[in-house]
N, C-alpha and C. Protein backbone atom coordinates (compact mmCIF):
# COMPACT_ATOMS: atom_id res chain seq x y z
N MET A 1 24.39 -18.66 -36.25
CA MET A 1 23.64 -17.76 -35.39
C MET A 1 24.58 -17.18 -34.32
N THR A 2 24.54 -15.86 -34.18
CA THR A 2 25.36 -15.19 -33.18
C THR A 2 24.60 -15.11 -31.86
N LEU A 3 25.24 -15.59 -30.80
CA LEU A 3 24.61 -15.53 -29.49
C LEU A 3 24.85 -14.17 -28.85
N GLN A 4 23.78 -13.59 -28.35
CA GLN A 4 23.87 -12.31 -27.66
C GLN A 4 23.91 -12.55 -26.15
N PRO A 5 24.73 -11.81 -25.44
CA PRO A 5 24.77 -11.97 -23.98
C PRO A 5 23.40 -11.70 -23.38
N LYS A 6 23.05 -12.54 -22.45
CA LYS A 6 21.78 -12.35 -21.75
C LYS A 6 21.89 -11.18 -20.80
N LYS A 7 20.89 -10.31 -20.81
CA LYS A 7 20.93 -9.16 -19.93
C LYS A 7 20.68 -9.57 -18.49
N LEU A 8 21.46 -9.00 -17.60
CA LEU A 8 21.28 -9.22 -16.18
C LEU A 8 20.14 -8.35 -15.70
N GLN A 9 19.11 -8.97 -15.13
CA GLN A 9 18.01 -8.20 -14.56
C GLN A 9 18.39 -7.72 -13.17
N ILE A 10 18.28 -6.43 -12.96
CA ILE A 10 18.62 -5.84 -11.67
C ILE A 10 17.42 -5.06 -11.15
N ASP A 11 16.87 -5.54 -10.04
CA ASP A 11 15.77 -4.84 -9.38
C ASP A 11 16.35 -4.11 -8.17
N ILE A 12 16.07 -2.81 -8.08
CA ILE A 12 16.58 -2.01 -6.97
C ILE A 12 15.41 -1.42 -6.20
N VAL A 13 15.28 -1.83 -4.95
CA VAL A 13 14.25 -1.29 -4.08
C VAL A 13 14.88 -0.11 -3.35
N SER A 14 14.24 1.05 -3.45
CA SER A 14 14.94 2.28 -3.06
C SER A 14 13.97 3.37 -2.63
N ASP A 15 14.52 4.34 -1.90
CA ASP A 15 13.79 5.56 -1.55
C ASP A 15 14.73 6.73 -1.79
N VAL A 16 14.25 7.80 -2.40
CA VAL A 16 15.13 8.93 -2.71
C VAL A 16 15.53 9.71 -1.46
N MET A 17 14.98 9.38 -0.30
CA MET A 17 15.44 9.97 0.95
C MET A 17 16.68 9.26 1.49
N CYS A 18 17.06 8.17 0.86
CA CYS A 18 18.13 7.32 1.35
C CYS A 18 19.45 7.65 0.66
N PRO A 19 20.40 8.27 1.38
CA PRO A 19 21.68 8.61 0.74
C PRO A 19 22.47 7.39 0.28
N TRP A 20 22.37 6.30 1.03
CA TRP A 20 23.12 5.10 0.65
C TRP A 20 22.53 4.44 -0.60
N CYS A 21 21.28 4.80 -0.94
CA CYS A 21 20.69 4.25 -2.17
C CYS A 21 21.38 4.84 -3.40
N VAL A 22 21.60 6.14 -3.41
CA VAL A 22 22.26 6.73 -4.57
C VAL A 22 23.75 6.36 -4.58
N ILE A 23 24.35 6.24 -3.40
CA ILE A 23 25.75 5.79 -3.35
C ILE A 23 25.85 4.36 -3.87
N GLY A 24 24.99 3.49 -3.37
CA GLY A 24 25.02 2.09 -3.79
C GLY A 24 24.77 1.93 -5.27
N TYR A 25 23.77 2.67 -5.80
CA TYR A 25 23.49 2.57 -7.23
C TYR A 25 24.71 3.03 -8.04
N THR A 26 25.32 4.15 -7.65
CA THR A 26 26.45 4.67 -8.42
C THR A 26 27.63 3.71 -8.37
N GLN A 27 27.84 3.09 -7.22
CA GLN A 27 28.87 2.05 -7.13
C GLN A 27 28.58 0.91 -8.11
N LEU A 28 27.33 0.47 -8.11
CA LEU A 28 26.93 -0.61 -9.01
C LEU A 28 27.09 -0.20 -10.47
N ALA A 29 26.70 1.03 -10.79
CA ALA A 29 26.81 1.50 -12.17
C ALA A 29 28.25 1.47 -12.65
N LYS A 30 29.18 1.86 -11.79
CA LYS A 30 30.59 1.83 -12.16
C LYS A 30 31.09 0.39 -12.35
N ALA A 31 30.58 -0.51 -11.51
CA ALA A 31 30.96 -1.93 -11.64
C ALA A 31 30.39 -2.51 -12.94
N LEU A 32 29.17 -2.12 -13.28
CA LEU A 32 28.57 -2.59 -14.53
C LEU A 32 29.37 -2.10 -15.74
N GLU A 33 29.81 -0.86 -15.67
CA GLU A 33 30.60 -0.30 -16.76
C GLU A 33 31.95 -1.00 -16.86
N ALA A 34 32.57 -1.22 -15.70
CA ALA A 34 33.91 -1.83 -15.68
C ALA A 34 33.89 -3.25 -16.23
N THR A 35 32.82 -3.97 -15.97
CA THR A 35 32.73 -5.36 -16.41
C THR A 35 32.04 -5.52 -17.76
N GLY A 36 31.48 -4.42 -18.27
CA GLY A 36 30.77 -4.50 -19.55
C GLY A 36 29.56 -5.42 -19.49
N THR A 37 28.91 -5.45 -18.36
CA THR A 37 27.78 -6.38 -18.16
C THR A 37 26.51 -5.85 -18.81
N PRO A 38 25.94 -6.58 -19.77
CA PRO A 38 24.63 -6.17 -20.31
C PRO A 38 23.59 -6.28 -19.21
N HIS A 39 22.76 -5.28 -19.06
CA HIS A 39 21.83 -5.29 -17.94
C HIS A 39 20.60 -4.44 -18.21
N GLU A 40 19.59 -4.66 -17.39
CA GLU A 40 18.43 -3.77 -17.37
C GLU A 40 18.06 -3.55 -15.91
N ILE A 41 17.82 -2.29 -15.57
CA ILE A 41 17.55 -1.92 -14.18
C ILE A 41 16.09 -1.54 -14.01
N HIS A 42 15.50 -2.05 -12.95
CA HIS A 42 14.12 -1.72 -12.60
C HIS A 42 14.11 -1.19 -11.16
N TRP A 43 13.61 0.04 -10.99
CA TRP A 43 13.51 0.64 -9.67
C TRP A 43 12.15 0.33 -9.05
N HIS A 44 12.14 0.10 -7.74
CA HIS A 44 10.90 -0.23 -7.04
C HIS A 44 10.77 0.62 -5.77
N PRO A 45 9.53 0.91 -5.37
CA PRO A 45 9.32 1.87 -4.28
C PRO A 45 9.47 1.29 -2.88
N PHE A 46 10.01 2.13 -2.02
CA PHE A 46 10.11 1.84 -0.60
C PHE A 46 10.04 3.18 0.12
N GLU A 47 9.27 3.25 1.19
CA GLU A 47 9.17 4.49 1.96
C GLU A 47 9.89 4.32 3.30
N LEU A 48 10.93 5.08 3.49
CA LEU A 48 11.63 5.06 4.77
C LEU A 48 10.78 5.66 5.88
N ASN A 49 9.94 6.63 5.49
CA ASN A 49 9.16 7.36 6.49
C ASN A 49 7.70 7.48 6.06
N PRO A 50 6.98 6.37 6.03
CA PRO A 50 5.59 6.42 5.55
C PRO A 50 4.66 7.26 6.41
N GLN A 51 5.02 7.47 7.67
CA GLN A 51 4.17 8.27 8.56
C GLN A 51 4.60 9.74 8.63
N MET A 52 5.56 10.12 7.83
CA MET A 52 6.07 11.49 7.87
C MET A 52 4.98 12.47 7.45
N PRO A 53 4.75 13.53 8.23
CA PRO A 53 3.73 14.52 7.86
C PRO A 53 4.15 15.32 6.64
N ALA A 54 3.20 16.05 6.07
CA ALA A 54 3.44 16.75 4.81
C ALA A 54 4.58 17.76 4.91
N GLU A 55 4.74 18.38 6.08
CA GLU A 55 5.78 19.39 6.21
C GLU A 55 7.18 18.79 6.36
N GLY A 56 7.27 17.47 6.50
CA GLY A 56 8.55 16.83 6.68
C GLY A 56 9.11 17.08 8.07
N GLN A 57 10.39 16.77 8.25
CA GLN A 57 11.03 16.95 9.55
C GLN A 57 12.52 17.23 9.35
N ASN A 58 13.07 18.07 10.19
CA ASN A 58 14.50 18.33 10.14
C ASN A 58 15.26 17.01 10.19
N MET A 59 16.24 16.86 9.31
CA MET A 59 16.93 15.58 9.18
C MET A 59 17.66 15.19 10.46
N ARG A 60 18.34 16.12 11.09
CA ARG A 60 19.05 15.79 12.33
C ARG A 60 18.08 15.33 13.41
N GLU A 61 16.96 16.07 13.55
CA GLU A 61 15.97 15.71 14.55
C GLU A 61 15.39 14.32 14.26
N HIS A 62 15.15 14.06 12.99
CA HIS A 62 14.57 12.77 12.60
C HIS A 62 15.51 11.62 12.94
N LEU A 63 16.78 11.77 12.61
CA LEU A 63 17.74 10.70 12.86
C LEU A 63 17.96 10.50 14.35
N ALA A 64 17.89 11.59 15.11
CA ALA A 64 18.02 11.47 16.56
C ALA A 64 16.85 10.71 17.16
N GLU A 65 15.64 11.02 16.67
CA GLU A 65 14.44 10.34 17.17
C GLU A 65 14.39 8.88 16.73
N LYS A 66 14.72 8.63 15.48
CA LYS A 66 14.55 7.29 14.92
C LYS A 66 15.68 6.34 15.31
N TYR A 67 16.91 6.86 15.35
CA TYR A 67 18.06 5.99 15.59
C TYR A 67 18.87 6.36 16.82
N GLY A 68 18.50 7.45 17.46
CA GLY A 68 19.26 7.90 18.61
C GLY A 68 20.60 8.49 18.24
N ALA A 69 20.74 8.98 17.02
CA ALA A 69 22.02 9.51 16.54
C ALA A 69 22.34 10.84 17.22
N THR A 70 23.55 10.96 17.74
CA THR A 70 24.00 12.21 18.32
C THR A 70 24.45 13.16 17.22
N THR A 71 24.65 14.43 17.58
CA THR A 71 25.13 15.40 16.61
C THR A 71 26.49 14.98 16.06
N GLU A 72 27.35 14.46 16.93
CA GLU A 72 28.68 14.01 16.48
C GLU A 72 28.56 12.85 15.50
N GLN A 73 27.68 11.90 15.80
CA GLN A 73 27.48 10.77 14.90
C GLN A 73 26.90 11.23 13.57
N SER A 74 25.95 12.15 13.65
CA SER A 74 25.34 12.69 12.43
C SER A 74 26.38 13.38 11.56
N ASN A 75 27.24 14.18 12.19
CA ASN A 75 28.29 14.88 11.42
C ASN A 75 29.25 13.89 10.78
N ALA A 76 29.62 12.85 11.53
CA ALA A 76 30.54 11.85 11.00
C ALA A 76 29.91 11.11 9.82
N ASN A 77 28.64 10.77 9.94
CA ASN A 77 27.94 10.08 8.85
C ASN A 77 27.86 10.97 7.61
N ARG A 78 27.57 12.24 7.83
CA ARG A 78 27.48 13.15 6.69
C ARG A 78 28.83 13.29 5.99
N GLU A 79 29.88 13.37 6.77
CA GLU A 79 31.21 13.48 6.18
C GLU A 79 31.56 12.22 5.38
N ALA A 80 31.21 11.06 5.93
CA ALA A 80 31.49 9.81 5.24
C ALA A 80 30.71 9.71 3.93
N MET A 81 29.45 10.10 3.97
CA MET A 81 28.63 10.04 2.76
C MET A 81 29.09 11.07 1.73
N THR A 82 29.49 12.24 2.20
CA THR A 82 29.97 13.26 1.27
C THR A 82 31.24 12.79 0.56
N ARG A 83 32.15 12.17 1.32
CA ARG A 83 33.38 11.63 0.71
C ARG A 83 33.05 10.52 -0.28
N ALA A 84 32.17 9.61 0.13
CA ALA A 84 31.81 8.50 -0.75
C ALA A 84 31.16 9.02 -2.03
N GLY A 85 30.28 9.99 -1.88
CA GLY A 85 29.64 10.57 -3.07
C GLY A 85 30.65 11.24 -3.98
N ALA A 86 31.57 12.01 -3.40
CA ALA A 86 32.56 12.73 -4.21
C ALA A 86 33.42 11.76 -5.02
N GLU A 87 33.78 10.65 -4.41
CA GLU A 87 34.59 9.65 -5.11
C GLU A 87 33.85 9.06 -6.31
N LEU A 88 32.52 9.09 -6.25
CA LEU A 88 31.70 8.50 -7.30
C LEU A 88 31.14 9.53 -8.27
N GLY A 89 31.37 10.81 -7.98
CA GLY A 89 30.86 11.86 -8.86
C GLY A 89 29.47 12.35 -8.49
N PHE A 90 29.03 12.05 -7.26
CA PHE A 90 27.73 12.57 -6.81
C PHE A 90 27.98 13.55 -5.67
N GLU A 91 27.33 14.70 -5.74
CA GLU A 91 27.58 15.75 -4.75
C GLU A 91 26.48 15.80 -3.69
N PHE A 92 26.88 15.58 -2.45
CA PHE A 92 26.01 15.79 -1.31
C PHE A 92 26.28 17.18 -0.74
N ARG A 93 25.23 17.94 -0.49
CA ARG A 93 25.36 19.23 0.17
C ARG A 93 24.45 19.23 1.40
N PHE A 94 24.93 18.68 2.48
CA PHE A 94 24.14 18.62 3.69
C PHE A 94 24.12 19.99 4.38
N THR A 95 22.96 20.35 4.88
CA THR A 95 22.81 21.61 5.61
C THR A 95 22.07 21.35 6.91
N ASP A 96 22.16 22.30 7.83
CA ASP A 96 21.51 22.13 9.13
C ASP A 96 19.99 22.13 9.02
N ASP A 97 19.45 22.78 7.97
CA ASP A 97 18.00 22.84 7.83
C ASP A 97 17.45 21.81 6.83
N MET A 98 18.29 20.87 6.42
CA MET A 98 17.84 19.83 5.49
C MET A 98 16.75 18.99 6.14
N ARG A 99 15.76 18.60 5.33
CA ARG A 99 14.59 17.92 5.88
C ARG A 99 14.38 16.55 5.23
N MET A 100 13.77 15.67 6.01
CA MET A 100 13.29 14.39 5.49
C MET A 100 11.84 14.57 5.05
N HIS A 101 11.46 13.86 4.01
CA HIS A 101 10.11 14.00 3.49
C HIS A 101 9.45 12.63 3.29
N ASN A 102 8.15 12.64 3.31
CA ASN A 102 7.39 11.47 2.87
C ASN A 102 7.50 11.39 1.35
N THR A 103 7.68 10.19 0.81
CA THR A 103 7.94 10.06 -0.63
C THR A 103 6.85 9.31 -1.39
N PHE A 104 5.67 9.20 -0.82
CA PHE A 104 4.61 8.48 -1.52
C PHE A 104 4.30 9.14 -2.87
N ASN A 105 4.21 10.46 -2.90
CA ASN A 105 3.94 11.14 -4.16
C ASN A 105 5.12 11.05 -5.11
N VAL A 106 6.33 11.05 -4.57
CA VAL A 106 7.52 10.85 -5.39
C VAL A 106 7.43 9.52 -6.15
N HIS A 107 7.07 8.47 -5.42
CA HIS A 107 6.97 7.15 -6.04
C HIS A 107 5.84 7.09 -7.06
N GLN A 108 4.76 7.80 -6.80
CA GLN A 108 3.67 7.83 -7.79
C GLN A 108 4.13 8.48 -9.09
N LEU A 109 4.88 9.56 -8.96
CA LEU A 109 5.35 10.23 -10.16
C LEU A 109 6.36 9.38 -10.91
N MET A 110 7.16 8.60 -10.18
CA MET A 110 8.09 7.71 -10.86
C MET A 110 7.35 6.56 -11.56
N HIS A 111 6.25 6.11 -10.96
CA HIS A 111 5.43 5.08 -11.62
C HIS A 111 4.92 5.62 -12.96
N TRP A 112 4.48 6.87 -12.95
CA TRP A 112 4.03 7.52 -14.18
C TRP A 112 5.17 7.65 -15.19
N ALA A 113 6.33 8.05 -14.72
CA ALA A 113 7.48 8.20 -15.61
C ALA A 113 7.89 6.87 -16.22
N ASP A 114 7.69 5.79 -15.48
CA ASP A 114 8.04 4.45 -15.98
C ASP A 114 7.25 4.12 -17.23
N GLN A 115 6.03 4.60 -17.31
CA GLN A 115 5.20 4.34 -18.49
C GLN A 115 5.75 5.03 -19.74
N GLN A 116 6.64 5.99 -19.51
CA GLN A 116 7.25 6.72 -20.62
C GLN A 116 8.73 6.37 -20.79
N GLY A 117 9.15 5.31 -20.08
CA GLY A 117 10.54 4.89 -20.18
C GLY A 117 11.52 5.85 -19.53
N ARG A 118 11.05 6.65 -18.55
CA ARG A 118 11.91 7.67 -17.94
C ARG A 118 12.04 7.51 -16.43
N LYS A 119 11.72 6.36 -15.90
CA LYS A 119 11.75 6.19 -14.44
C LYS A 119 13.16 6.36 -13.89
N HIS A 120 14.13 5.75 -14.54
CA HIS A 120 15.51 5.86 -14.06
C HIS A 120 15.96 7.32 -14.04
N ASP A 121 15.66 8.03 -15.11
CA ASP A 121 16.07 9.42 -15.21
C ASP A 121 15.44 10.26 -14.10
N LEU A 122 14.17 10.01 -13.82
CA LEU A 122 13.49 10.79 -12.78
C LEU A 122 14.00 10.41 -11.40
N GLU A 123 14.28 9.13 -11.19
CA GLU A 123 14.86 8.70 -9.91
C GLU A 123 16.16 9.46 -9.63
N MET A 124 17.03 9.51 -10.61
CA MET A 124 18.31 10.19 -10.42
C MET A 124 18.11 11.70 -10.24
N ALA A 125 17.13 12.25 -10.95
CA ALA A 125 16.85 13.68 -10.80
C ALA A 125 16.34 14.00 -9.41
N PHE A 126 15.55 13.10 -8.82
CA PHE A 126 15.06 13.33 -7.47
C PHE A 126 16.19 13.20 -6.44
N PHE A 127 17.09 12.25 -6.63
CA PHE A 127 18.25 12.15 -5.74
C PHE A 127 19.02 13.48 -5.74
N THR A 128 19.27 14.01 -6.92
CA THR A 128 20.01 15.27 -7.03
C THR A 128 19.23 16.43 -6.44
N ALA A 129 17.93 16.47 -6.72
CA ALA A 129 17.10 17.55 -6.19
C ALA A 129 17.16 17.59 -4.67
N HIS A 130 17.10 16.41 -4.06
CA HIS A 130 17.07 16.35 -2.60
C HIS A 130 18.45 16.56 -1.99
N PHE A 131 19.42 15.76 -2.39
CA PHE A 131 20.71 15.75 -1.70
C PHE A 131 21.68 16.84 -2.16
N THR A 132 21.56 17.28 -3.40
CA THR A 132 22.48 18.30 -3.90
C THR A 132 21.89 19.70 -3.78
N HIS A 133 20.60 19.81 -4.08
CA HIS A 133 20.00 21.14 -4.13
C HIS A 133 19.02 21.43 -2.98
N GLY A 134 18.76 20.44 -2.14
CA GLY A 134 17.92 20.68 -0.98
C GLY A 134 16.51 21.13 -1.30
N ARG A 135 15.95 20.62 -2.39
CA ARG A 135 14.60 21.03 -2.78
C ARG A 135 13.55 20.28 -1.96
N ASN A 136 12.40 20.88 -1.84
CA ASN A 136 11.34 20.36 -0.99
C ASN A 136 10.51 19.31 -1.73
N LEU A 137 10.83 18.05 -1.50
CA LEU A 137 10.12 16.98 -2.20
C LEU A 137 8.78 16.65 -1.55
N SER A 138 8.36 17.44 -0.58
CA SER A 138 6.99 17.34 -0.06
C SER A 138 6.04 18.21 -0.87
N ASP A 139 6.59 19.06 -1.72
CA ASP A 139 5.81 20.03 -2.50
C ASP A 139 5.55 19.48 -3.89
N ASN A 140 4.28 19.26 -4.21
CA ASN A 140 3.93 18.70 -5.52
C ASN A 140 4.42 19.57 -6.67
N ALA A 141 4.42 20.88 -6.47
CA ALA A 141 4.90 21.77 -7.54
C ALA A 141 6.38 21.52 -7.81
N VAL A 142 7.14 21.27 -6.77
CA VAL A 142 8.57 20.96 -6.94
C VAL A 142 8.73 19.64 -7.67
N LEU A 143 7.93 18.65 -7.28
CA LEU A 143 8.01 17.34 -7.96
C LEU A 143 7.72 17.49 -9.45
N ALA A 144 6.70 18.27 -9.78
CA ALA A 144 6.35 18.48 -11.19
C ALA A 144 7.45 19.26 -11.90
N ASP A 145 8.06 20.21 -11.20
CA ASP A 145 9.18 20.95 -11.79
C ASP A 145 10.33 20.01 -12.15
N VAL A 146 10.67 19.12 -11.23
CA VAL A 146 11.78 18.18 -11.48
C VAL A 146 11.45 17.30 -12.68
N ALA A 147 10.21 16.85 -12.76
CA ALA A 147 9.80 16.04 -13.91
C ALA A 147 9.94 16.83 -15.21
N ALA A 148 9.53 18.08 -15.17
CA ALA A 148 9.61 18.91 -16.37
C ALA A 148 11.06 19.15 -16.79
N GLU A 149 11.94 19.24 -15.81
CA GLU A 149 13.35 19.50 -16.09
C GLU A 149 14.03 18.37 -16.85
N ILE A 150 13.45 17.16 -16.79
CA ILE A 150 14.03 16.07 -17.58
C ILE A 150 13.19 15.81 -18.85
N GLY A 151 12.25 16.75 -19.12
CA GLY A 151 11.51 16.67 -20.38
C GLY A 151 10.13 16.06 -20.31
N LEU A 152 9.65 15.76 -19.10
CA LEU A 152 8.30 15.24 -18.96
C LEU A 152 7.30 16.39 -18.88
N ASP A 153 6.03 16.09 -19.10
CA ASP A 153 4.99 17.11 -19.15
C ASP A 153 4.62 17.57 -17.74
N ARG A 154 4.87 18.84 -17.42
CA ARG A 154 4.63 19.32 -16.07
C ARG A 154 3.14 19.30 -15.70
N ASN A 155 2.28 19.71 -16.64
CA ASN A 155 0.85 19.72 -16.34
C ASN A 155 0.32 18.32 -16.06
N GLU A 156 0.80 17.37 -16.83
CA GLU A 156 0.36 15.99 -16.61
C GLU A 156 0.90 15.47 -15.28
N ALA A 157 2.12 15.85 -14.95
CA ALA A 157 2.68 15.45 -13.66
C ALA A 157 1.83 15.99 -12.52
N MET A 158 1.42 17.24 -12.60
CA MET A 158 0.56 17.83 -11.57
C MET A 158 -0.78 17.10 -11.51
N ALA A 159 -1.31 16.71 -12.66
CA ALA A 159 -2.58 15.99 -12.69
C ALA A 159 -2.45 14.62 -12.04
N VAL A 160 -1.34 13.94 -12.30
CA VAL A 160 -1.09 12.63 -11.68
C VAL A 160 -1.07 12.75 -10.17
N LEU A 161 -0.44 13.80 -9.67
CA LEU A 161 -0.35 13.99 -8.22
C LEU A 161 -1.68 14.44 -7.63
N ALA A 162 -2.42 15.21 -8.38
CA ALA A 162 -3.70 15.72 -7.89
C ALA A 162 -4.74 14.62 -7.74
N ASP A 163 -4.81 13.73 -8.74
CA ASP A 163 -5.87 12.70 -8.67
C ASP A 163 -5.39 11.38 -8.08
N GLN A 164 -4.08 11.31 -7.77
CA GLN A 164 -3.53 10.11 -7.10
C GLN A 164 -3.87 8.82 -7.87
N ARG A 165 -3.83 8.90 -9.17
CA ARG A 165 -4.27 7.77 -10.00
C ARG A 165 -3.41 6.52 -9.84
N PHE A 166 -2.16 6.69 -9.39
CA PHE A 166 -1.27 5.54 -9.26
C PHE A 166 -1.03 5.15 -7.80
N ALA A 167 -1.82 5.70 -6.91
CA ALA A 167 -1.64 5.41 -5.48
C ALA A 167 -1.76 3.92 -5.19
N ALA A 168 -2.78 3.28 -5.73
CA ALA A 168 -2.99 1.85 -5.46
C ALA A 168 -1.86 1.01 -6.05
N ASP A 169 -1.36 1.39 -7.21
CA ASP A 169 -0.26 0.65 -7.84
C ASP A 169 1.01 0.73 -6.99
N VAL A 170 1.28 1.92 -6.47
CA VAL A 170 2.48 2.09 -5.66
C VAL A 170 2.35 1.32 -4.34
N ARG A 171 1.19 1.39 -3.71
CA ARG A 171 0.98 0.64 -2.47
C ARG A 171 1.15 -0.87 -2.70
N LYS A 172 0.63 -1.34 -3.81
CA LYS A 172 0.75 -2.76 -4.13
C LYS A 172 2.22 -3.15 -4.30
N ALA A 173 2.97 -2.32 -4.98
CA ALA A 173 4.39 -2.61 -5.19
C ALA A 173 5.15 -2.57 -3.88
N GLU A 174 4.86 -1.60 -3.03
CA GLU A 174 5.52 -1.50 -1.73
C GLU A 174 5.24 -2.74 -0.89
N GLN A 175 3.98 -3.15 -0.91
CA GLN A 175 3.58 -4.31 -0.12
C GLN A 175 4.23 -5.58 -0.65
N TYR A 176 4.40 -5.67 -1.97
CA TYR A 176 5.04 -6.85 -2.55
C TYR A 176 6.46 -7.00 -2.02
N TRP A 177 7.23 -5.92 -2.05
CA TRP A 177 8.62 -6.01 -1.62
C TRP A 177 8.73 -6.22 -0.12
N THR A 178 7.83 -5.64 0.62
CA THR A 178 7.81 -5.90 2.06
C THR A 178 7.53 -7.37 2.33
N ALA A 179 6.61 -7.93 1.55
CA ALA A 179 6.29 -9.35 1.70
C ALA A 179 7.46 -10.25 1.33
N GLN A 180 8.36 -9.73 0.50
CA GLN A 180 9.55 -10.49 0.12
C GLN A 180 10.64 -10.41 1.19
N GLY A 181 10.35 -9.67 2.25
CA GLY A 181 11.31 -9.57 3.35
C GLY A 181 12.19 -8.34 3.31
N ILE A 182 11.93 -7.41 2.39
CA ILE A 182 12.73 -6.20 2.31
C ILE A 182 12.33 -5.26 3.44
N ARG A 183 13.29 -4.97 4.30
CA ARG A 183 13.02 -4.08 5.45
C ARG A 183 13.90 -2.84 5.43
N GLY A 184 14.90 -2.83 4.56
CA GLY A 184 15.80 -1.68 4.46
C GLY A 184 16.29 -1.53 3.04
N VAL A 185 16.77 -0.34 2.71
CA VAL A 185 17.24 -0.08 1.35
C VAL A 185 18.61 0.62 1.41
N PRO A 186 19.38 0.48 0.30
CA PRO A 186 19.01 -0.17 -0.95
C PRO A 186 19.03 -1.69 -0.85
N ALA A 187 18.10 -2.30 -1.57
CA ALA A 187 18.08 -3.74 -1.73
C ALA A 187 18.20 -4.03 -3.23
N VAL A 188 19.24 -4.73 -3.61
CA VAL A 188 19.50 -5.01 -5.02
C VAL A 188 19.32 -6.50 -5.26
N ILE A 189 18.43 -6.82 -6.19
CA ILE A 189 18.15 -8.23 -6.48
C ILE A 189 18.59 -8.52 -7.92
N PHE A 190 19.50 -9.47 -8.05
CA PHE A 190 20.00 -9.84 -9.37
C PHE A 190 19.26 -11.07 -9.87
N ASN A 191 18.73 -10.95 -11.09
CA ASN A 191 18.03 -12.06 -11.74
C ASN A 191 16.96 -12.69 -10.84
N GLN A 192 16.32 -11.88 -10.05
CA GLN A 192 15.19 -12.28 -9.22
C GLN A 192 15.54 -13.33 -8.17
N ARG A 193 16.84 -13.50 -7.88
CA ARG A 193 17.18 -14.56 -6.93
C ARG A 193 18.32 -14.22 -5.97
N HIS A 194 19.18 -13.28 -6.34
CA HIS A 194 20.33 -12.99 -5.50
C HIS A 194 20.20 -11.60 -4.89
N LEU A 195 19.97 -11.54 -3.59
CA LEU A 195 19.77 -10.26 -2.90
C LEU A 195 21.08 -9.75 -2.31
N VAL A 196 21.37 -8.49 -2.60
CA VAL A 196 22.51 -7.81 -2.01
C VAL A 196 21.99 -6.54 -1.34
N SER A 197 22.28 -6.37 -0.07
CA SER A 197 21.78 -5.22 0.67
C SER A 197 22.88 -4.19 0.89
N GLY A 198 22.50 -2.92 0.79
CA GLY A 198 23.41 -1.85 1.12
C GLY A 198 24.35 -1.45 0.00
N ALA A 199 25.14 -0.40 0.28
CA ALA A 199 26.16 0.09 -0.65
C ALA A 199 27.44 -0.70 -0.41
N GLN A 200 27.71 -1.64 -1.28
CA GLN A 200 28.79 -2.61 -1.05
C GLN A 200 30.16 -2.15 -1.52
N GLY A 201 30.19 -1.12 -2.35
CA GLY A 201 31.46 -0.66 -2.90
C GLY A 201 31.66 -1.17 -4.32
N VAL A 202 32.40 -0.41 -5.11
CA VAL A 202 32.60 -0.76 -6.51
C VAL A 202 33.29 -2.12 -6.65
N GLU A 203 34.31 -2.36 -5.86
CA GLU A 203 35.05 -3.62 -5.98
C GLU A 203 34.17 -4.82 -5.65
N THR A 204 33.38 -4.70 -4.59
CA THR A 204 32.52 -5.82 -4.21
C THR A 204 31.45 -6.06 -5.26
N PHE A 205 30.85 -4.99 -5.76
CA PHE A 205 29.85 -5.16 -6.82
C PHE A 205 30.49 -5.77 -8.07
N THR A 206 31.71 -5.37 -8.37
CA THR A 206 32.42 -5.95 -9.52
C THR A 206 32.62 -7.45 -9.32
N ASP A 207 33.02 -7.85 -8.13
CA ASP A 207 33.19 -9.28 -7.83
C ASP A 207 31.87 -10.02 -7.96
N ILE A 208 30.80 -9.41 -7.47
CA ILE A 208 29.48 -10.05 -7.55
C ILE A 208 29.08 -10.25 -9.01
N LEU A 209 29.31 -9.23 -9.83
CA LEU A 209 28.94 -9.34 -11.24
C LEU A 209 29.74 -10.44 -11.94
N LYS A 210 31.01 -10.56 -11.59
CA LYS A 210 31.84 -11.61 -12.19
C LYS A 210 31.36 -12.99 -11.75
N GLN A 211 30.98 -13.11 -10.49
CA GLN A 211 30.46 -14.39 -9.99
C GLN A 211 29.15 -14.75 -10.69
N LEU A 212 28.29 -13.76 -10.88
CA LEU A 212 27.02 -14.02 -11.57
C LEU A 212 27.25 -14.44 -13.01
N ALA A 213 28.21 -13.80 -13.66
CA ALA A 213 28.50 -14.13 -15.05
C ALA A 213 29.02 -15.55 -15.20
N ALA A 214 29.65 -16.05 -14.13
CA ALA A 214 30.21 -17.41 -14.18
C ALA A 214 29.17 -18.48 -13.86
N MET A 215 28.00 -18.06 -13.39
CA MET A 215 26.96 -19.04 -13.06
C MET A 215 26.23 -19.47 -14.33
N PRO A 216 26.05 -20.78 -14.51
CA PRO A 216 25.38 -21.27 -15.73
C PRO A 216 24.01 -20.65 -15.96
N ASP A 217 23.23 -20.52 -14.89
CA ASP A 217 21.87 -20.00 -15.05
C ASP A 217 21.84 -18.49 -15.24
N ASP A 218 22.77 -17.78 -14.58
CA ASP A 218 22.70 -16.33 -14.57
C ASP A 218 23.55 -15.68 -15.66
N GLY A 219 24.63 -16.34 -16.02
CA GLY A 219 25.53 -15.69 -16.98
C GLY A 219 25.48 -16.32 -18.36
N ALA A 220 24.55 -17.22 -18.59
CA ALA A 220 24.50 -17.91 -19.87
C ALA A 220 24.07 -16.97 -20.98
N SER A 221 24.51 -17.28 -22.19
CA SER A 221 24.07 -16.51 -23.36
C SER A 221 22.78 -17.09 -23.89
N SER A 222 22.04 -16.25 -24.56
CA SER A 222 20.78 -16.72 -25.16
C SER A 222 20.74 -16.29 -26.61
N PRO A 223 20.03 -17.03 -27.43
CA PRO A 223 20.00 -16.67 -28.86
C PRO A 223 19.22 -15.39 -29.11
């Protein structure tokens, strides 16, 4: 009997408004590729701005209000994220009129996409829509357009958003992760037991994966 490597379960709690979430994921993806680690990724919802109104808010204004960030600090952060993204092959295009949005409907649409095995694809498409193309993720029509662009049914996407059929499921998932102590994202949980917070870098993620592979419980092979 040939033993197959056991897949590493990776749960990622994330919000598409979070630039470090896409940076952290891309770092992890490169580490997974470099180590040849068999894995399965599950994305989970988190709202950075659950009280954000439908029209959203200018990103600079939001960061100044929420964190007290000055214009100089904001510019420095944007430059750092743009460099980090470029090194990983992800393009950030920050603009002065870029806005933060509430993502409850985004998460509902991803819950729907998950039923079709396309949650990961839609998550990445939303990251690109927001950070690269500056699209309005407060607009349901835009959300449905993004879904259609990866091959999902646009009319059904609009129906999902109109009737809010997955609202309770998303709230339940959000509450679960909050109850687990998740207060910031990205939060990466390996094999349901090892929590790593933030964008750690390709080298650090590579080291973590090697350590996990060496653990009897986490890196063991299964028939």
